[in-house]
Amino acid sequence: KEFSSLKAGDTLEVVGPLGNGFPLGKQK
């Protein structure tokens, strides 16, 4: 709810990127 009030120019602290993402392949 707090994040939803953020507007252009505001700042916040973040950490990332975290975790493992999707492996990319060539299959259908």
Full PDB file with SEQRES, HELIX, SHEET, SSBOND, CRYST1, ORIGX, SCALE, CONECT and MASTER records, all heavy atoms in Angstrom:
SEQRES   1 A   28  LYS GLU PHE SER SER LEU LYS ALA GLY ASP THR LEU GLU          
SEQRES   2 A   28  VAL VAL GLY PRO LEU GLY ASN GLY PHE PRO LEU GLY LYS          
SEQRES   3 A   28  GLN LYS                                                      
HELIX    1 AA1 PHE A    3  SER A    5  5                                   3    
CRYST1    1.000    1.000    1.000  90.00  90.00  90.00 P 1           1          
ORIGX1      1.000000  0.000000  0.000000        0.00000                         
ORIGX2      0.000000  1.000000  0.000000        0.00000                         
ORIGX3      0.000000  0.000000  1.000000        0.00000                         
SCALE1      1.000000  0.000000  0.000000        0.00000                         
SCALE2      0.000000  1.000000  0.000000        0.00000                         
SCALE3      0.000000  0.000000  1.000000        0.00000                         
ATOM      1  N   LYS A   1       0.837  -1.198   0.000  1.00  0.00           N  
ATOM      2  CA  LYS A   1       0.000   0.000   0.000  1.00  0.00           C  
ATOM      3  C   LYS A   1       0.873   1.249   0.000  1.00  0.00           C  
ATOM      4  O   LYS A   1       0.592   2.228  -0.715  1.00  0.00           O  
ATOM      5  CB  LYS A   1      -0.913  -0.005   1.231  1.00  0.00           C  
ATOM      6  CG  LYS A   1      -1.807   1.230   1.372  1.00  0.00           C  
ATOM      7  CD  LYS A   1      -2.814   1.322   0.246  1.00  0.00           C  
ATOM      8  CE  LYS A   1      -3.765   2.473   0.462  1.00  0.00           C  
ATOM      9  NZ  LYS A   1      -4.704   2.649  -0.685  1.00  0.00           N  
ATOM     10  N   GLU A   2       1.954   1.213   0.773  1.00  0.00           N  
ATOM     11  CA  GLU A   2       2.885   2.346   0.783  1.00  0.00           C  
ATOM     12  C   GLU A   2       3.511   2.540  -0.590  1.00  0.00           C  
ATOM     13  O   GLU A   2       3.594   3.668  -1.097  1.00  0.00           O  
ATOM     14  CB  GLU A   2       3.989   2.106   1.815  1.00  0.00           C  
ATOM     15  CG  GLU A   2       5.067   3.170   1.819  1.00  0.00           C  
ATOM     16  CD  GLU A   2       6.285   2.781   2.645  1.00  0.00           C  
ATOM     17  OE1 GLU A   2       6.129   2.010   3.617  1.00  0.00           O  
ATOM     18  OE2 GLU A   2       7.393   3.236   2.308  1.00  0.00           O  
ATOM     19  N   PHE A   3       3.944   1.455  -1.227  1.00  0.00           N  
ATOM     20  CA  PHE A   3       4.586   1.561  -2.539  1.00  0.00           C  
ATOM     21  C   PHE A   3       3.618   2.142  -3.576  1.00  0.00           C  
ATOM     22  O   PHE A   3       4.041   2.831  -4.500  1.00  0.00           O  
ATOM     23  CB  PHE A   3       5.097   0.207  -3.005  1.00  0.00           C  
ATOM     24  CG  PHE A   3       6.110  -0.428  -2.088  1.00  0.00           C  
ATOM     25  CD1 PHE A   3       6.160  -1.799  -1.940  1.00  0.00           C  
ATOM     26  CD2 PHE A   3       7.005   0.346  -1.375  1.00  0.00           C  
ATOM     27  CE1 PHE A   3       7.094  -2.401  -1.100  1.00  0.00           C  
ATOM     28  CE2 PHE A   3       7.943  -0.237  -0.523  1.00  0.00           C  
ATOM     29  CZ  PHE A   3       7.981  -1.617  -0.383  1.00  0.00           C  
ATOM     30  N   SER A   4       2.332   1.857  -3.429  1.00  0.00           N  
ATOM     31  CA  SER A   4       1.355   2.316  -4.416  1.00  0.00           C  
ATOM     32  C   SER A   4       1.207   3.839  -4.416  1.00  0.00           C  
ATOM     33  O   SER A   4       0.653   4.400  -5.360  1.00  0.00           O  
ATOM     34  CB  SER A   4      -0.005   1.660  -4.169  1.00  0.00           C  
ATOM     35  OG  SER A   4      -0.621   2.172  -2.991  1.00  0.00           O  
ATOM     36  N   SER A   5       1.705   4.504  -3.383  1.00  0.00           N  
ATOM     37  CA  SER A   5       1.613   5.969  -3.313  1.00  0.00           C  
ATOM     38  C   SER A   5       2.841   6.652  -3.913  1.00  0.00           C  
ATOM     39  O   SER A   5       2.890   7.888  -3.979  1.00  0.00           O  
ATOM     40  CB  SER A   5       1.437   6.420  -1.859  1.00  0.00           C  
ATOM     41  OG  SER A   5       2.605   6.142  -1.097  1.00  0.00           O  
ATOM     42  N   LEU A   6       3.835   5.870  -4.351  1.00  0.00           N  
ATOM     43  CA  LEU A   6       5.050   6.458  -4.912  1.00  0.00           C  
ATOM     44  C   LEU A   6       4.750   7.160  -6.229  1.00  0.00           C  
ATOM     45  O   LEU A   6       3.952   6.704  -7.038  1.00  0.00           O  
ATOM     46  CB  LEU A   6       6.102   5.371  -5.140  1.00  0.00           C  
ATOM     47  CG  LEU A   6       6.692   4.718  -3.879  1.00  0.00           C  
ATOM     48  CD1 LEU A   6       7.501   3.485  -4.257  1.00  0.00           C  
ATOM     49  CD2 LEU A   6       7.556   5.715  -3.116  1.00  0.00           C  
ATOM     50  N   LYS A   7       5.467   8.277  -6.441  1.00  0.00           N  
ATOM     51  CA  LYS A   7       5.292   9.056  -7.662  1.00  0.00           C  
ATOM     52  C   LYS A   7       6.650   9.316  -8.301  1.00  0.00           C  
ATOM     53  O   LYS A   7       7.694   9.126  -7.673  1.00  0.00           O  
ATOM     54  CB  LYS A   7       4.590  10.380  -7.353  1.00  0.00           C  
ATOM     55  CG  LYS A   7       3.163  10.214  -6.837  1.00  0.00           C  
ATOM     56  CD  LYS A   7       2.540  11.559  -6.503  1.00  0.00           C  
ATOM     57  CE  LYS A   7       1.069  11.400  -6.123  1.00  0.00           C  
ATOM     58  NZ  LYS A   7       0.891  10.496  -4.973  1.00  0.00           N  
ATOM     59  N   ALA A   8       6.625   9.736  -9.563  1.00  0.00           N  
ATOM     60  CA  ALA A   8       7.862  10.035 -10.284  1.00  0.00           C  
ATOM     61  C   ALA A   8       8.724  10.993  -9.478  1.00  0.00           C  
ATOM     62  O   ALA A   8       8.230  12.006  -8.972  1.00  0.00           O  
ATOM     63  CB  ALA A   8       7.540  10.628 -11.651  1.00  0.00           C  
ATOM     64  N   GLY A   9      10.011  10.649  -9.334  1.00  0.00           N  
ATOM     65  CA  GLY A   9      10.946  11.451  -8.564  1.00  0.00           C  
ATOM     66  C   GLY A   9      11.185  10.936  -7.164  1.00  0.00           C  
ATOM     67  O   GLY A   9      12.194  11.281  -6.533  1.00  0.00           O  
ATOM     68  N   ASP A  10      10.266  10.118  -6.630  1.00  0.00           N  
ATOM     69  CA  ASP A  10      10.465   9.516  -5.307  1.00  0.00           C  
ATOM     70  C   ASP A  10      11.580   8.478  -5.365  1.00  0.00           C  
ATOM     71  O   ASP A  10      11.922   7.958  -6.434  1.00  0.00           O  
ATOM     72  CB  ASP A  10       9.179   8.849  -4.815  1.00  0.00           C  
ATOM     73  CG  ASP A  10       8.095   9.844  -4.451  1.00  0.00           C  
ATOM     74  OD1 ASP A  10       8.429  11.025  -4.253  1.00  0.00           O  
ATOM     75  OD2 ASP A  10       6.917   9.440  -4.380  1.00  0.00           O  
ATOM     76  N   THR A  11      12.144   8.151  -4.209  1.00  0.00           N  
ATOM     77  CA  THR A  11      13.201   7.143  -4.139  1.00  0.00           C  
ATOM     78  C   THR A  11      12.814   6.053  -3.144  1.00  0.00           C  
ATOM     79  O   THR A  11      11.974   6.266  -2.260  1.00  0.00           O  
ATOM     80  CB  THR A  11      14.543   7.763  -3.716  1.00  0.00           C  
ATOM     81  OG1 THR A  11      14.398   8.362  -2.411  1.00  0.00           O  
ATOM     82  CG2 THR A  11      15.005   8.808  -4.712  1.00  0.00           C  
ATOM     83  N   LEU A  12      13.441   4.901  -3.299  1.00  0.00           N  
ATOM     84  CA  LEU A  12      13.279   3.825  -2.326  1.00  0.00           C  
ATOM     85  C   LEU A  12      14.484   2.911  -2.380  1.00  0.00           C  
ATOM     86  O   LEU A  12      15.237   2.889  -3.363  1.00  0.00           O  
ATOM     87  CB  LEU A  12      11.988   3.038  -2.560  1.00  0.00           C  
ATOM     88  CG  LEU A  12      11.886   2.097  -3.759  1.00  0.00           C  
ATOM     89  CD1 LEU A  12      10.761   1.094  -3.533  1.00  0.00           C  
ATOM     90  CD2 LEU A  12      11.593   2.891  -5.034  1.00  0.00           C  
ATOM     91  N   GLU A  13      14.670   2.171  -1.290  1.00  0.00           N  
ATOM     92  CA  GLU A  13      15.791   1.237  -1.177  1.00  0.00           C  
ATOM     93  C   GLU A  13      15.360  -0.126  -1.702  1.00  0.00           C  
ATOM     94  O   GLU A  13      14.308  -0.645  -1.325  1.00  0.00           O  
ATOM     95  CB  GLU A  13      16.231   1.102   0.280  1.00  0.00           C  
ATOM     96  CG  GLU A  13      16.849   2.355   0.882  1.00  0.00           C  
ATOM     97  CD  GLU A  13      18.213   2.668   0.291  1.00  0.00           C  
ATOM     98  OE1 GLU A  13      19.016   1.718   0.122  1.00  0.00           O  
ATOM     99  OE2 GLU A  13      18.462   3.843  -0.009  1.00  0.00           O  
ATOM    100  N   VAL A  14      16.204  -0.720  -2.558  1.00  0.00           N  
ATOM    101  CA  VAL A  14      15.918  -2.050  -3.079  1.00  0.00           C  
ATOM    102  C   VAL A  14      17.195  -2.877  -3.088  1.00  0.00           C  
ATOM    103  O   VAL A  14      18.313  -2.353  -3.108  1.00  0.00           O  
ATOM    104  CB  VAL A  14      15.322  -2.004  -4.504  1.00  0.00           C  
ATOM    105  CG1 VAL A  14      14.118  -1.084  -4.573  1.00  0.00           C  
ATOM    106  CG2 VAL A  14      16.362  -1.585  -5.519  1.00  0.00           C  
ATOM    107  N   VAL A  15      17.019  -4.196  -3.083  1.00  0.00           N  
ATOM    108  CA  VAL A  15      18.122  -5.143  -3.268  1.00  0.00           C  
ATOM    109  C   VAL A  15      17.750  -6.064  -4.414  1.00  0.00           C  
ATOM    110  O   VAL A  15      16.611  -6.534  -4.500  1.00  0.00           O  
ATOM    111  CB  VAL A  15      18.387  -5.965  -1.992  1.00  0.00           C  
ATOM    112  CG1 VAL A  15      19.425  -7.055  -2.260  1.00  0.00           C  
ATOM    113  CG2 VAL A  15      18.857  -5.065  -0.860  1.00  0.00           C  
ATOM    114  N   GLY A  16      18.708  -6.337  -5.280  1.00  0.00           N  
ATOM    115  CA  GLY A  16      18.426  -7.249  -6.385  1.00  0.00           C  
ATOM    116  C   GLY A  16      19.546  -7.240  -7.413  1.00  0.00           C  
ATOM    117  O   GLY A  16      20.527  -6.515  -7.245  1.00  0.00           O  
ATOM    118  N   PRO A  17      19.416  -7.988  -8.489  1.00  0.00           N  
ATOM    119  CA  PRO A  17      18.344  -8.950  -8.695  1.00  0.00           C  
ATOM    120  C   PRO A  17      18.563 -10.182  -7.826  1.00  0.00           C  
ATOM    121  O   PRO A  17      19.703 -10.595  -7.594  1.00  0.00           O  
ATOM    122  CB  PRO A  17      18.454  -9.288 -10.183  1.00  0.00           C  
ATOM    123  CG  PRO A  17      19.906  -9.097 -10.492  1.00  0.00           C  
ATOM    124  CD  PRO A  17      20.367  -7.963  -9.625  1.00  0.00           C  
ATOM    125  N   LEU A  18      17.487 -10.775  -7.339  1.00  0.00           N  
ATOM    126  CA  LEU A  18      17.554 -11.910  -6.431  1.00  0.00           C  
ATOM    127  C   LEU A  18      16.945 -13.158  -7.056  1.00  0.00           C  
ATOM    128  O   LEU A  18      16.058 -13.080  -7.916  1.00  0.00           O  
ATOM    129  CB  LEU A  18      16.821 -11.582  -5.128  1.00  0.00           C  
ATOM    130  CG  LEU A  18      17.399 -10.417  -4.316  1.00  0.00           C  
ATOM    131  CD1 LEU A  18      16.468 -10.052  -3.166  1.00  0.00           C  
ATOM    132  CD2 LEU A  18      18.790 -10.762  -3.788  1.00  0.00           C  
ATOM    133  N   GLY A  19      17.418 -14.313  -6.599  1.00  0.00           N  
ATOM    134  CA  GLY A  19      16.891 -15.585  -7.058  1.00  0.00           C  
ATOM    135  C   GLY A  19      17.404 -15.989  -8.423  1.00  0.00           C  
ATOM    136  O   GLY A  19      18.199 -15.288  -9.056  1.00  0.00           O  
ATOM    137  N   ASN A  20      16.955 -17.145  -8.854  1.00  0.00           N  
ATOM    138  CA  ASN A  20      17.315 -17.673 -10.161  1.00  0.00           C  
ATOM    139  C   ASN A  20      16.150 -17.500 -11.121  1.00  0.00           C  
ATOM    140  O   ASN A  20      14.998 -17.784 -10.787  1.00  0.00           O  
ATOM    141  CB  ASN A  20      17.675 -19.162 -10.055  1.00  0.00           C  
ATOM    142  CG  ASN A  20      18.942 -19.368  -9.253  1.00  0.00           C  
ATOM    143  OD1 ASN A  20      19.993 -18.853  -9.605  1.00  0.00           O  
ATOM    144  ND2 ASN A  20      18.850 -20.106  -8.163  1.00  0.00           N  
ATOM    145  N   GLY A  21      16.450 -17.021 -12.319  1.00  0.00           N  
ATOM    146  CA  GLY A  21      15.413 -16.777 -13.301  1.00  0.00           C  
ATOM    147  C   GLY A  21      15.119 -17.993 -14.160  1.00  0.00           C  
ATOM    148  O   GLY A  21      15.586 -19.109 -13.901  1.00  0.00           O  
ATOM    149  N   PHE A  22      14.329 -17.789 -15.207  1.00  0.00           N  
ATOM    150  CA  PHE A  22      13.968 -18.859 -16.124  1.00  0.00           C  
ATOM    151  C   PHE A  22      15.126 -19.159 -17.082  1.00  0.00           C  
ATOM    152  O   PHE A  22      15.705 -18.234 -17.653  1.00  0.00           O  
ATOM    153  CB  PHE A  22      12.745 -18.454 -16.961  1.00  0.00           C  
ATOM    154  CG  PHE A  22      11.464 -18.404 -16.193  1.00  0.00           C  
ATOM    155  CD1 PHE A  22      10.931 -17.188 -15.793  1.00  0.00           C  
ATOM    156  CD2 PHE A  22      10.776 -19.563 -15.892  1.00  0.00           C  
ATOM    157  CE1 PHE A  22       9.728 -17.128 -15.108  1.00  0.00           C  
ATOM    158  CE2 PHE A  22       9.577 -19.521 -15.193  1.00  0.00           C  
ATOM    159  CZ  PHE A  22       9.054 -18.300 -14.796  1.00  0.00           C  
ATOM    160  N   PRO A  23      15.457 -20.433 -17.298  1.00  0.00           N  
ATOM    161  CA  PRO A  23      16.446 -20.770 -18.321  1.00  0.00           C  
ATOM    162  C   PRO A  23      15.839 -20.584 -19.701  1.00  0.00           C  
ATOM    163  O   PRO A  23      14.673 -20.915 -19.926  1.00  0.00           O  
ATOM    164  CB  PRO A  23      16.756 -22.246 -18.033  1.00  0.00           C  
ATOM    165  CG  PRO A  23      15.537 -22.770 -17.368  1.00  0.00           C  
ATOM    166  CD  PRO A  23      14.960 -21.622 -16.586  1.00  0.00           C  
ATOM    167  N   LEU A  24      16.594 -20.043 -20.625  1.00  0.00           N  
ATOM    168  CA  LEU A  24      16.101 -19.764 -21.963  1.00  0.00           C  
ATOM    169  C   LEU A  24      16.517 -20.879 -22.915  1.00  0.00           C  
ATOM    170  O   LEU A  24      17.670 -21.305 -22.922  1.00  0.00           O  
ATOM    171  CB  LEU A  24      16.644 -18.424 -22.465  1.00  0.00           C  
ATOM    172  CG  LEU A  24      16.357 -17.214 -21.569  1.00  0.00           C  
ATOM    173  CD1 LEU A  24      16.951 -15.952 -22.189  1.00  0.00           C  
ATOM    174  CD2 LEU A  24      14.873 -17.042 -21.325  1.00  0.00           C  
ATOM    175  N   GLY A  25      15.573 -21.357 -23.708  1.00  0.00           N  
ATOM    176  CA  GLY A  25      15.855 -22.416 -24.670  1.00  0.00           C  
ATOM    177  C   GLY A  25      15.267 -22.089 -26.022  1.00  0.00           C  
ATOM    178  O   GLY A  25      14.715 -21.017 -26.253  1.00  0.00           O  
ATOM    179  N   LYS A  26      15.349 -23.037 -26.935  1.00  0.00           N  
ATOM    180  CA  LYS A  26      14.865 -22.852 -28.298  1.00  0.00           C  
ATOM    181  C   LYS A  26      13.656 -23.729 -28.609  1.00  0.00           C  
ATOM    182  O   LYS A  26      13.136 -23.712 -29.718  1.00  0.00           O  
ATOM    183  CB  LYS A  26      15.992 -23.193 -29.283  1.00  0.00           C  
ATOM    184  CG  LYS A  26      17.224 -22.308 -29.172  1.00  0.00           C  
ATOM    185  CD  LYS A  26      16.945 -20.890 -29.638  1.00  0.00           C  
ATOM    186  CE  LYS A  26      18.226 -20.050 -29.649  1.00  0.00           C  
ATOM    187  NZ  LYS A  26      17.960 -18.659 -30.114  1.00  0.00           N  
ATOM    188  N   GLN A  27      13.193 -24.514 -27.629  1.00  0.00           N  
ATOM    189  CA  GLN A  27      12.085 -25.417 -27.873  1.00  0.00           C  
ATOM    190  C   GLN A  27      10.752 -24.670 -27.896  1.00  0.00           C  
ATOM    191  O   GLN A  27      10.612 -23.592 -27.315  1.00  0.00           O  
ATOM    192  CB  GLN A  27      12.042 -26.492 -26.787  1.00  0.00           C  
ATOM    193  CG  GLN A  27      13.245 -27.430 -26.782  1.00  0.00           C  
ATOM    194  CD  GLN A  27      13.174 -28.403 -25.619  1.00  0.00           C  
ATOM    195  OE1 GLN A  27      13.166 -28.012 -24.463  1.00  0.00           O  
ATOM    196  NE2 GLN A  27      13.114 -29.689 -25.946  1.00  0.00           N  
ATOM    197  N   LYS A  28       9.773 -25.277 -28.548  1.00  0.00           N  
ATOM    198  CA  LYS A  28       8.417 -24.713 -28.587  1.00  0.00           C  
ATOM    199  C   LYS A  28       7.891 -24.600 -27.166  1.00  0.00           C  
ATOM    200  O   LYS A  28       7.890 -25.574 -26.414  1.00  0.00           O  
ATOM    201  CB  LYS A  28       7.508 -25.603 -29.422  1.00  0.00           C  
ATOM    202  CG  LYS A  28       6.099 -25.072 -29.576  1.00  0.00           C  
ATOM    203  CD  LYS A  28       5.261 -26.000 -30.450  1.00  0.00           C  
ATOM    204  CE  LYS A  28       3.838 -25.475 -30.610  1.00  0.00           C  
ATOM    205  NZ  LYS A  28       3.017 -26.397 -31.452  1.00  0.00           N  
TER     206      LYS A  28                                                      
MASTER        0    0    0    1    0    0    0    6  205    1    0    3          
END                                                                             
